[in-house]
Amino acid sequence: MSQLRESYISEEDAQLIRAHRLGQHQKVYRISPRYFCFECVSGLFLLIVAIASSIALKLFGDSIGWPLSLPIYIVGVFVFLVGILVGLTIVPDARKLRLIVCETGMLQVTGAYGHTRVRIMYWKDIQTIQPLLNEYHIKDGRNRPIVISAFIYQNGDELLVFIRERIAEVGR
């Protein structure tokens, strides 16, 4: 299994690590290519469905009649807007997703509609690691859980093992 040891982190990440006193960063895990492709294909699929429904309404809308075709128009516009939302915001923000494992905890950085969202979790505060299907939810009792999955992060299984080792070292 290859390790994702990276000596480089962004200055923004370094400032966040210092501000939250997480110590030296040890590993950086980024979004897996499969997850990124999934996000892209999802947005593309929604746009295709919206365009196909628009074409179908244009071709067959007159024969259906106005009152009956109104829900189809509303659904088409809604799906189109969701597709645009996914394509213009969620997909670019997915590239920002990373989890930085440090000496005293971990830092998850995500993008949300153009804004950076940071979640900090200290090893000493972690209460549970709950398996849920093919994901693991790491909870500390204060925040929403950090979700670890091989589908979301590159080498997600290695990441989970590394997190369990760090928790064991702290004595939890």
N, C-alpha and C. Protein backbone atom coordinates (compact mmCIF):
# COMPACT_ATOMS: atom_id res chain seq x y z
N MET A 1 0.83 -1.16 0.00
CA MET A 1 0.00 0.00 0.00
C MET A 1 0.89 1.24 0.00
N SER A 2 0.64 2.12 -0.90
CA SER A 2 1.47 3.32 -0.97
C SER A 2 1.03 4.32 0.09
N GLN A 3 2.00 5.06 0.60
CA GLN A 3 1.69 6.05 1.61
C GLN A 3 1.65 7.42 0.96
N LEU A 4 0.78 8.25 1.47
CA LEU A 4 0.62 9.59 0.91
C LEU A 4 1.35 10.61 1.79
N ARG A 5 2.60 10.39 2.04
CA ARG A 5 3.38 11.36 2.80
C ARG A 5 3.67 12.53 1.88
N GLU A 6 3.24 13.69 2.30
CA GLU A 6 3.50 14.88 1.51
C GLU A 6 4.19 15.89 2.42
N SER A 7 5.27 16.42 1.95
CA SER A 7 5.96 17.42 2.75
C SER A 7 5.35 18.80 2.54
N TYR A 8 4.56 18.96 1.49
CA TYR A 8 4.01 20.28 1.19
C TYR A 8 2.54 20.36 1.58
N ILE A 9 2.22 21.39 2.32
CA ILE A 9 0.82 21.77 2.55
C ILE A 9 0.74 23.25 2.26
N SER A 10 -0.45 23.72 1.98
CA SER A 10 -0.60 25.14 1.64
C SER A 10 -0.34 26.01 2.88
N GLU A 11 -0.06 27.26 2.65
CA GLU A 11 0.17 28.19 3.75
C GLU A 11 -1.11 28.33 4.58
N GLU A 12 -2.26 28.31 3.92
CA GLU A 12 -3.54 28.38 4.63
C GLU A 12 -3.69 27.20 5.59
N ASP A 13 -3.36 25.99 5.12
CA ASP A 13 -3.43 24.80 5.97
C ASP A 13 -2.44 24.91 7.13
N ALA A 14 -1.24 25.39 6.86
CA ALA A 14 -0.23 25.54 7.91
C ALA A 14 -0.72 26.52 8.98
N GLN A 15 -1.36 27.61 8.57
CA GLN A 15 -1.90 28.57 9.52
C GLN A 15 -3.00 27.95 10.36
N LEU A 16 -3.87 27.16 9.73
CA LEU A 16 -4.94 26.50 10.48
C LEU A 16 -4.38 25.51 11.49
N ILE A 17 -3.35 24.78 11.10
CA ILE A 17 -2.72 23.82 12.01
C ILE A 17 -2.11 24.54 13.20
N ARG A 18 -1.43 25.65 12.94
CA ARG A 18 -0.82 26.42 14.03
C ARG A 18 -1.90 27.03 14.93
N ALA A 19 -2.95 27.59 14.33
CA ALA A 19 -4.01 28.24 15.10
C ALA A 19 -4.72 27.28 16.03
N HIS A 20 -4.86 26.05 15.63
CA HIS A 20 -5.56 25.05 16.44
C HIS A 20 -4.61 24.15 17.22
N ARG A 21 -3.33 24.46 17.16
CA ARG A 21 -2.29 23.76 17.93
C ARG A 21 -2.36 22.24 17.72
N LEU A 22 -2.33 21.86 16.45
CA LEU A 22 -2.39 20.44 16.10
C LEU A 22 -1.01 19.80 15.98
N GLY A 23 0.05 20.58 16.15
CA GLY A 23 1.41 20.04 16.04
C GLY A 23 1.83 19.89 14.58
N GLN A 24 2.84 19.11 14.38
CA GLN A 24 3.38 18.88 13.03
C GLN A 24 2.43 18.01 12.22
N HIS A 25 2.23 18.37 10.96
CA HIS A 25 1.38 17.50 10.12
C HIS A 25 2.17 16.24 9.77
N GLN A 26 1.45 15.13 9.69
CA GLN A 26 2.10 13.86 9.42
C GLN A 26 1.73 13.30 8.05
N LYS A 27 0.45 13.36 7.71
CA LYS A 27 0.00 12.86 6.41
C LYS A 27 -1.12 13.73 5.90
N VAL A 28 -1.21 13.81 4.58
CA VAL A 28 -2.29 14.55 3.94
C VAL A 28 -3.01 13.58 3.01
N TYR A 29 -4.31 13.48 3.19
CA TYR A 29 -5.13 12.62 2.33
C TYR A 29 -6.06 13.51 1.53
N ARG A 30 -6.05 13.29 0.23
CA ARG A 30 -6.86 14.11 -0.67
C ARG A 30 -7.99 13.27 -1.25
N ILE A 31 -8.84 13.92 -1.98
CA ILE A 31 -10.01 13.27 -2.58
C ILE A 31 -9.56 12.18 -3.55
N SER A 32 -10.30 11.08 -3.56
CA SER A 32 -9.95 10.00 -4.49
C SER A 32 -10.46 10.36 -5.88
N PRO A 33 -9.77 9.92 -6.91
CA PRO A 33 -10.22 10.19 -8.28
C PRO A 33 -11.60 9.61 -8.56
N ARG A 34 -11.92 8.46 -7.95
CA ARG A 34 -13.25 7.85 -8.16
C ARG A 34 -14.35 8.75 -7.63
N TYR A 35 -14.14 9.34 -6.45
CA TYR A 35 -15.15 10.22 -5.86
C TYR A 35 -15.32 11.48 -6.71
N PHE A 36 -14.22 12.04 -7.18
CA PHE A 36 -14.31 13.23 -8.02
C PHE A 36 -15.05 12.93 -9.32
N CYS A 37 -14.75 11.78 -9.93
CA CYS A 37 -15.47 11.38 -11.15
C CYS A 37 -16.95 11.19 -10.88
N PHE A 38 -17.28 10.61 -9.73
CA PHE A 38 -18.67 10.42 -9.34
C PHE A 38 -19.39 11.76 -9.26
N GLU A 39 -18.76 12.76 -8.65
CA GLU A 39 -19.36 14.10 -8.55
C GLU A 39 -19.57 14.70 -9.94
N CYS A 40 -18.58 14.56 -10.82
CA CYS A 40 -18.69 15.10 -12.18
C CYS A 40 -19.81 14.41 -12.96
N VAL A 41 -19.84 13.09 -12.90
CA VAL A 41 -20.85 12.33 -13.64
C VAL A 41 -22.25 12.63 -13.10
N SER A 42 -22.38 12.82 -11.79
CA SER A 42 -23.68 13.16 -11.20
C SER A 42 -24.21 14.48 -11.75
N GLY A 43 -23.36 15.48 -11.78
CA GLY A 43 -23.77 16.77 -12.32
C GLY A 43 -24.11 16.69 -13.79
N LEU A 44 -23.31 15.96 -14.55
CA LEU A 44 -23.56 15.79 -15.98
C LEU A 44 -24.87 15.04 -16.22
N PHE A 45 -25.12 14.02 -15.42
CA PHE A 45 -26.36 13.25 -15.55
C PHE A 45 -27.58 14.13 -15.30
N LEU A 46 -27.52 14.97 -14.28
CA LEU A 46 -28.65 15.86 -13.99
C LEU A 46 -28.89 16.84 -15.14
N LEU A 47 -27.82 17.37 -15.72
CA LEU A 47 -27.98 18.28 -16.84
C LEU A 47 -28.58 17.56 -18.06
N ILE A 48 -28.13 16.34 -18.31
CA ILE A 48 -28.66 15.58 -19.45
C ILE A 48 -30.14 15.27 -19.25
N VAL A 49 -30.53 14.89 -18.03
CA VAL A 49 -31.94 14.62 -17.75
C VAL A 49 -32.77 15.89 -17.96
N ALA A 50 -32.27 17.01 -17.50
CA ALA A 50 -33.00 18.27 -17.66
C ALA A 50 -33.14 18.65 -19.13
N ILE A 51 -32.07 18.49 -19.89
CA ILE A 51 -32.13 18.82 -21.32
C ILE A 51 -33.05 17.86 -22.06
N ALA A 52 -32.97 16.56 -21.73
CA ALA A 52 -33.85 15.57 -22.37
C ALA A 52 -35.31 15.85 -22.06
N SER A 53 -35.61 16.21 -20.81
CA SER A 53 -37.01 16.52 -20.48
C SER A 53 -37.47 17.79 -21.17
N SER A 54 -36.58 18.75 -21.34
CA SER A 54 -36.95 19.97 -22.07
C SER A 54 -37.24 19.67 -23.54
N ILE A 55 -36.42 18.83 -24.14
CA ILE A 55 -36.65 18.44 -25.54
C ILE A 55 -37.95 17.67 -25.66
N ALA A 56 -38.21 16.75 -24.72
CA ALA A 56 -39.45 15.97 -24.76
C ALA A 56 -40.67 16.88 -24.60
N LEU A 57 -40.56 17.87 -23.74
CA LEU A 57 -41.68 18.81 -23.58
C LEU A 57 -41.90 19.64 -24.83
N LYS A 58 -40.82 20.01 -25.47
CA LYS A 58 -40.94 20.81 -26.70
C LYS A 58 -41.62 19.99 -27.79
N LEU A 59 -41.25 18.71 -27.88
CA LEU A 59 -41.82 17.84 -28.92
C LEU A 59 -43.24 17.41 -28.61
N PHE A 60 -43.51 17.05 -27.35
CA PHE A 60 -44.81 16.47 -27.01
C PHE A 60 -45.65 17.35 -26.10
N GLY A 61 -45.16 18.49 -25.71
CA GLY A 61 -45.87 19.36 -24.77
C GLY A 61 -47.19 19.86 -25.29
N ASP A 62 -47.27 20.17 -26.55
CA ASP A 62 -48.52 20.68 -27.10
C ASP A 62 -49.62 19.62 -27.08
N SER A 63 -49.25 18.38 -27.29
CA SER A 63 -50.26 17.32 -27.30
C SER A 63 -50.75 17.00 -25.88
N ILE A 64 -49.92 17.24 -24.88
CA ILE A 64 -50.33 16.97 -23.50
C ILE A 64 -51.28 18.06 -23.00
N GLY A 65 -51.00 19.29 -23.35
CA GLY A 65 -51.83 20.40 -22.87
C GLY A 65 -51.16 21.11 -21.71
N TRP A 66 -51.53 22.37 -21.54
CA TRP A 66 -50.84 23.21 -20.57
C TRP A 66 -50.99 22.74 -19.12
N PRO A 67 -52.18 22.49 -18.61
CA PRO A 67 -52.23 22.16 -17.18
C PRO A 67 -51.50 20.86 -16.84
N LEU A 68 -51.51 19.89 -17.73
CA LEU A 68 -50.86 18.62 -17.44
C LEU A 68 -49.34 18.70 -17.60
N SER A 69 -48.87 19.59 -18.45
CA SER A 69 -47.43 19.68 -18.67
C SER A 69 -46.72 20.58 -17.65
N LEU A 70 -47.45 21.33 -16.85
CA LEU A 70 -46.84 22.23 -15.87
C LEU A 70 -45.94 21.51 -14.86
N PRO A 71 -46.36 20.38 -14.26
CA PRO A 71 -45.43 19.69 -13.34
C PRO A 71 -44.15 19.23 -14.03
N ILE A 72 -44.24 18.83 -15.28
CA ILE A 72 -43.06 18.38 -16.01
C ILE A 72 -42.11 19.57 -16.23
N TYR A 73 -42.68 20.73 -16.55
CA TYR A 73 -41.85 21.94 -16.70
C TYR A 73 -41.15 22.27 -15.38
N ILE A 74 -41.88 22.21 -14.29
CA ILE A 74 -41.31 22.55 -12.98
C ILE A 74 -40.19 21.58 -12.62
N VAL A 75 -40.41 20.29 -12.83
CA VAL A 75 -39.38 19.29 -12.54
C VAL A 75 -38.17 19.52 -13.44
N GLY A 76 -38.40 19.81 -14.72
CA GLY A 76 -37.29 20.05 -15.64
C GLY A 76 -36.44 21.24 -15.23
N VAL A 77 -37.09 22.33 -14.83
CA VAL A 77 -36.36 23.52 -14.39
C VAL A 77 -35.60 23.21 -13.09
N PHE A 78 -36.24 22.49 -12.17
CA PHE A 78 -35.60 22.15 -10.90
C PHE A 78 -34.36 21.28 -11.14
N VAL A 79 -34.49 20.24 -11.95
CA VAL A 79 -33.36 19.34 -12.23
C VAL A 79 -32.25 20.11 -12.94
N PHE A 80 -32.61 21.00 -13.85
CA PHE A 80 -31.62 21.80 -14.54
C PHE A 80 -30.85 22.67 -13.55
N LEU A 81 -31.56 23.32 -12.64
CA LEU A 81 -30.90 24.17 -11.65
C LEU A 81 -30.01 23.37 -10.70
N VAL A 82 -30.48 22.20 -10.30
CA VAL A 82 -29.65 21.35 -9.45
C VAL A 82 -28.40 20.90 -10.21
N GLY A 83 -28.55 20.56 -11.48
CA GLY A 83 -27.40 20.18 -12.30
C GLY A 83 -26.39 21.31 -12.41
N ILE A 84 -26.88 22.52 -12.60
CA ILE A 84 -25.99 23.68 -12.66
C ILE A 84 -25.30 23.88 -11.31
N LEU A 85 -26.07 23.74 -10.22
CA LEU A 85 -25.50 23.88 -8.88
C LEU A 85 -24.39 22.87 -8.66
N VAL A 86 -24.62 21.62 -9.02
CA VAL A 86 -23.60 20.58 -8.87
C VAL A 86 -22.40 20.88 -9.74
N GLY A 87 -22.65 21.26 -10.98
CA GLY A 87 -21.56 21.50 -11.91
C GLY A 87 -20.72 22.72 -11.59
N LEU A 88 -21.34 23.76 -11.08
CA LEU A 88 -20.61 25.01 -10.85
C LEU A 88 -20.08 25.18 -9.42
N THR A 89 -20.65 24.45 -8.46
CA THR A 89 -20.20 24.65 -7.08
C THR A 89 -19.68 23.38 -6.44
N ILE A 90 -20.43 22.32 -6.47
CA ILE A 90 -20.05 21.11 -5.74
C ILE A 90 -18.82 20.46 -6.36
N VAL A 91 -18.76 20.37 -7.68
CA VAL A 91 -17.61 19.73 -8.32
C VAL A 91 -16.32 20.51 -8.06
N PRO A 92 -16.29 21.83 -8.27
CA PRO A 92 -15.04 22.55 -7.95
C PRO A 92 -14.69 22.49 -6.46
N ASP A 93 -15.71 22.52 -5.59
CA ASP A 93 -15.44 22.45 -4.16
C ASP A 93 -14.93 21.08 -3.74
N ALA A 94 -15.30 20.03 -4.48
CA ALA A 94 -14.83 18.68 -4.16
C ALA A 94 -13.31 18.59 -4.28
N ARG A 95 -12.74 19.35 -5.16
CA ARG A 95 -11.27 19.33 -5.32
C ARG A 95 -10.55 19.83 -4.07
N LYS A 96 -11.23 20.65 -3.28
CA LYS A 96 -10.61 21.22 -2.08
C LYS A 96 -10.59 20.24 -0.91
N LEU A 97 -11.35 19.17 -0.99
CA LEU A 97 -11.47 18.23 0.11
C LEU A 97 -10.12 17.59 0.45
N ARG A 98 -9.74 17.68 1.72
CA ARG A 98 -8.51 17.04 2.18
C ARG A 98 -8.61 16.83 3.69
N LEU A 99 -7.87 15.85 4.15
CA LEU A 99 -7.81 15.55 5.58
C LEU A 99 -6.33 15.52 5.95
N ILE A 100 -5.97 16.36 6.88
CA ILE A 100 -4.57 16.47 7.30
C ILE A 100 -4.46 15.87 8.70
N VAL A 101 -3.67 14.82 8.80
CA VAL A 101 -3.46 14.14 10.08
C VAL A 101 -2.22 14.74 10.73
N CYS A 102 -2.40 15.20 11.97
CA CYS A 102 -1.32 15.87 12.69
C CYS A 102 -1.00 15.12 13.99
N GLU A 103 -0.06 15.65 14.75
CA GLU A 103 0.37 15.01 15.99
C GLU A 103 -0.75 14.90 17.02
N THR A 104 -1.53 15.96 17.21
CA THR A 104 -2.53 15.97 18.27
C THR A 104 -3.96 15.87 17.77
N GLY A 105 -4.16 15.77 16.47
CA GLY A 105 -5.50 15.66 15.94
C GLY A 105 -5.51 15.68 14.42
N MET A 106 -6.68 15.92 13.88
CA MET A 106 -6.80 15.98 12.42
C MET A 106 -7.63 17.18 12.02
N LEU A 107 -7.39 17.62 10.82
CA LEU A 107 -8.00 18.81 10.26
C LEU A 107 -8.63 18.41 8.93
N GLN A 108 -9.95 18.57 8.83
CA GLN A 108 -10.63 18.28 7.57
C GLN A 108 -11.01 19.61 6.93
N VAL A 109 -10.59 19.80 5.69
CA VAL A 109 -10.89 21.03 4.96
C VAL A 109 -11.79 20.67 3.80
N THR A 110 -12.93 21.33 3.74
CA THR A 110 -13.87 21.12 2.64
C THR A 110 -14.26 22.48 2.08
N GLY A 111 -14.78 22.45 0.88
CA GLY A 111 -15.31 23.65 0.27
C GLY A 111 -16.82 23.56 0.25
N ALA A 112 -17.47 24.65 0.49
CA ALA A 112 -18.93 24.67 0.45
C ALA A 112 -19.37 25.96 -0.21
N TYR A 113 -19.77 25.85 -1.47
CA TYR A 113 -20.27 26.99 -2.24
C TYR A 113 -19.30 28.15 -2.24
N GLY A 114 -18.04 27.84 -2.48
CA GLY A 114 -17.02 28.87 -2.59
C GLY A 114 -16.36 29.26 -1.28
N HIS A 115 -16.84 28.71 -0.17
CA HIS A 115 -16.25 29.02 1.13
C HIS A 115 -15.51 27.80 1.65
N THR A 116 -14.49 28.04 2.43
CA THR A 116 -13.74 26.95 3.02
C THR A 116 -14.33 26.62 4.39
N ARG A 117 -14.59 25.35 4.61
CA ARG A 117 -15.12 24.89 5.89
C ARG A 117 -14.06 23.98 6.52
N VAL A 118 -13.78 24.23 7.78
CA VAL A 118 -12.74 23.49 8.50
C VAL A 118 -13.36 22.77 9.68
N ARG A 119 -12.97 21.53 9.84
CA ARG A 119 -13.41 20.75 11.00
C ARG A 119 -12.15 20.21 11.70
N ILE A 120 -12.07 20.44 12.99
CA ILE A 120 -10.92 20.02 13.78
C ILE A 120 -11.39 18.92 14.73
N MET A 121 -10.57 17.89 14.89
CA MET A 121 -10.87 16.84 15.85
C MET A 121 -9.55 16.43 16.50
N TYR A 122 -9.51 16.50 17.83
CA TYR A 122 -8.32 16.13 18.57
C TYR A 122 -8.40 14.65 18.95
N TRP A 123 -7.26 13.98 18.95
CA TRP A 123 -7.24 12.54 19.25
C TRP A 123 -7.84 12.27 20.61
N LYS A 124 -7.53 13.09 21.60
CA LYS A 124 -7.98 12.85 22.98
C LYS A 124 -9.50 13.00 23.11
N ASP A 125 -10.15 13.70 22.18
CA ASP A 125 -11.59 13.95 22.27
C ASP A 125 -12.44 12.93 21.52
N ILE A 126 -11.83 12.09 20.71
CA ILE A 126 -12.60 11.14 19.90
C ILE A 126 -13.24 10.10 20.81
N GLN A 127 -14.55 9.96 20.67
CA GLN A 127 -15.30 9.03 21.50
C GLN A 127 -15.58 7.71 20.80
N THR A 128 -15.98 7.77 19.53
CA THR A 128 -16.34 6.54 18.83
C THR A 128 -15.92 6.59 17.37
N ILE A 129 -15.70 5.40 16.83
CA ILE A 129 -15.54 5.22 15.38
C ILE A 129 -16.61 4.21 14.99
N GLN A 130 -17.67 4.70 14.34
CA GLN A 130 -18.81 3.85 14.01
C GLN A 130 -18.78 3.45 12.54
N PRO A 131 -18.80 2.14 12.27
CA PRO A 131 -18.91 1.70 10.88
C PRO A 131 -20.34 1.87 10.39
N LEU A 132 -20.50 2.33 9.17
CA LEU A 132 -21.81 2.48 8.56
C LEU A 132 -21.64 2.17 7.08
N LEU A 133 -22.10 1.01 6.67
CA LEU A 133 -21.92 0.49 5.32
C LEU A 133 -20.43 0.43 5.02
N ASN A 134 -19.97 1.19 4.03
CA ASN A 134 -18.53 1.17 3.70
C ASN A 134 -17.83 2.44 4.18
N GLU A 135 -18.41 3.11 5.16
CA GLU A 135 -17.85 4.33 5.72
C GLU A 135 -17.63 4.16 7.22
N TYR A 136 -16.82 5.04 7.76
CA TYR A 136 -16.62 5.10 9.21
C TYR A 136 -16.87 6.53 9.65
N HIS A 137 -17.69 6.70 10.67
CA HIS A 137 -18.00 8.01 11.22
C HIS A 137 -17.22 8.18 12.51
N ILE A 138 -16.32 9.15 12.52
CA ILE A 138 -15.49 9.42 13.68
C ILE A 138 -16.14 10.58 14.43
N LYS A 139 -16.51 10.33 15.70
CA LYS A 139 -17.26 11.32 16.48
C LYS A 139 -16.49 11.71 17.73
N ASP A 140 -16.61 13.01 18.03
CA ASP A 140 -15.98 13.51 19.25
C ASP A 140 -17.01 14.09 20.22
N GLY A 141 -18.27 14.01 19.91
CA GLY A 141 -19.31 14.49 20.80
C GLY A 141 -19.71 15.94 20.61
N ARG A 142 -18.92 16.73 19.91
CA ARG A 142 -19.23 18.15 19.73
C ARG A 142 -19.70 18.46 18.32
N ASN A 143 -18.95 18.01 17.36
CA ASN A 143 -19.20 18.38 15.96
C ASN A 143 -19.91 17.26 15.23
N ARG A 144 -20.26 17.56 14.01
CA ARG A 144 -20.71 16.50 13.11
C ARG A 144 -19.54 15.56 12.92
N PRO A 145 -19.82 14.30 12.65
CA PRO A 145 -18.70 13.35 12.51
C PRO A 145 -17.88 13.62 11.25
N ILE A 146 -16.64 13.20 11.30
CA ILE A 146 -15.80 13.18 10.11
C ILE A 146 -15.99 11.81 9.49
N VAL A 147 -16.32 11.77 8.22
CA VAL A 147 -16.60 10.52 7.53
C VAL A 147 -15.36 10.08 6.76
N ILE A 148 -14.92 8.85 7.03
CA ILE A 148 -13.76 8.28 6.35
C ILE A 148 -14.25 7.14 5.48
N SER A 149 -13.88 7.18 4.23
CA SER A 149 -14.27 6.13 3.29
C SER A 149 -13.19 5.99 2.23
N ALA A 150 -12.96 4.77 1.79
CA ALA A 150 -12.00 4.54 0.70
C ALA A 150 -12.53 5.15 -0.60
N PHE A 151 -13.83 5.36 -0.68
CA PHE A 151 -14.42 5.97 -1.86
C PHE A 151 -14.14 7.47 -1.89
N ILE A 152 -14.14 8.12 -0.73
CA ILE A 152 -13.95 9.57 -0.67
C ILE A 152 -12.48 9.96 -0.70
N TYR A 153 -11.66 9.31 0.12
CA TYR A 153 -10.25 9.68 0.23
C TYR A 153 -9.35 8.66 -0.44
N GLN A 154 -8.27 9.14 -1.02
CA GLN A 154 -7.24 8.24 -1.53
C GLN A 154 -6.69 7.46 -0.34
N ASN A 155 -6.55 6.17 -0.52
CA ASN A 155 -6.04 5.28 0.54
C ASN A 155 -6.83 5.45 1.83
N GLY A 156 -8.15 5.44 1.71
CA GLY A 156 -9.03 5.63 2.87
C GLY A 156 -8.87 4.54 3.91
N ASP A 157 -8.60 3.31 3.48
CA ASP A 157 -8.40 2.22 4.44
C ASP A 157 -7.13 2.45 5.26
N GLU A 158 -6.08 2.89 4.60
CA GLU A 158 -4.83 3.22 5.29
C GLU A 158 -5.06 4.37 6.26
N LEU A 159 -5.85 5.33 5.85
CA LEU A 159 -6.17 6.48 6.70
C LEU A 159 -6.86 6.02 7.98
N LEU A 160 -7.82 5.13 7.85
CA LEU A 160 -8.54 4.64 9.03
C LEU A 160 -7.60 3.90 9.98
N VAL A 161 -6.72 3.06 9.45
CA VAL A 161 -5.75 2.35 10.29
C VAL A 161 -4.84 3.36 11.00
N PHE A 162 -4.39 4.37 10.27
CA PHE A 162 -3.51 5.38 10.86
C PHE A 162 -4.22 6.14 11.98
N ILE A 163 -5.50 6.47 11.77
CA ILE A 163 -6.27 7.18 12.80
C ILE A 163 -6.42 6.30 14.04
N ARG A 164 -6.74 5.04 13.84
CA ARG A 164 -6.87 4.13 14.99
C ARG A 164 -5.55 4.02 15.76
N GLU A 165 -4.43 3.99 15.08
CA GLU A 165 -3.12 3.95 15.73
C GLU A 165 -2.90 5.20 16.57
N ARG A 166 -3.24 6.35 15.99
CA ARG A 166 -3.05 7.61 16.72
C ARG A 166 -3.93 7.66 17.96
N ILE A 167 -5.17 7.19 17.87
CA ILE A 167 -6.06 7.18 19.02
C ILE A 167 -5.51 6.24 20.10
N ALA A 168 -5.00 5.08 19.67
CA ALA A 168 -4.43 4.14 20.63
C ALA A 168 -3.22 4.72 21.33
N GLU A 169 -2.40 5.49 20.63
CA GLU A 169 -1.23 6.12 21.25
C GLU A 169 -1.63 7.11 22.32
N VAL A 170 -2.74 7.81 22.09
CA VAL A 170 -3.19 8.80 23.05
C VAL A 170 -3.81 8.12 24.28
N GLY A 171 -4.24 6.86 24.12
CA GLY A 171 -4.79 6.13 25.25
C GLY A 171 -6.29 6.02 25.26
N ARG A 172 -6.90 6.23 24.15
CA ARG A 172 -8.35 6.11 24.02
C ARG A 172 -8.72 4.76 23.55
